[in-house]
């Protein structure tokens, strides 16, 4: 996938304006404790997106620790630029050359889930549809007038918009997109593509909140400590009051 998320570098206001629109499918479930999903998402990101997009606030060694991988696995599956395992995840493509090729340098995606949100990322990756009026022949339901082509079409297949007439407040009718339908299948079934996108989004949520894994584990221990403290406090109170002699009625 060449620059899957290139359009994310467009102004944030455009993304906010595009939030309205039909839901494409049931919502996704992000589980950062699912190590296998994180490993799959990392694999798919590095195989499909890391040629253009960096994760400059993440180090390969951090992925090794957090995702439960060996140094050999990280070096084999994630490092394609001659970097060392202690280095940050950057791209080999010069920024000036990328800007010349794509019109703008692909953005760093470390915090993209924090800025855009997981639901938006999912809708973007699954939201390309055929539109002959666009230079690339496609548009995106989560990002209208998207500049990039549909680079996931081989996996997802081609989609066409489903239109409906809606009446505006002033009484005029407007044709709007209310959904998408597949018109040519891809190499993946819809369920497989859903899982692929969900894994990639899960990984990007992790890069946006890398300490959430640690904080979740810490939260469990703090909760257990508070429960233990409550029990001890109750037993201590009970022991103190046993020595208190109440006056006879």
Foldseek 3Di string as FASTA:
>chain_A
DELLPQLLPPDLVLLVVLQDAAQADDDFDFDLVPLVLLVLLQLCCQVPPLQQAFLQVDALVLCCVSSVHDLVCSCVRHDDPPDHRGHGGHHPDDQVVCCVVQVHRRYHLLQVCVSNNLSLQLQFLLFWAADCVAPQRIAGSSRGNRNDHNPCCQQANHKHFDWDWDADPVGDIDIGTHYIDHPTGHPHDPVVVSSNSSSNSNNSVCSNVVCVVVVVVVVVVVVVVVVVVVVVVVVVVVVVVVPDDDDDD
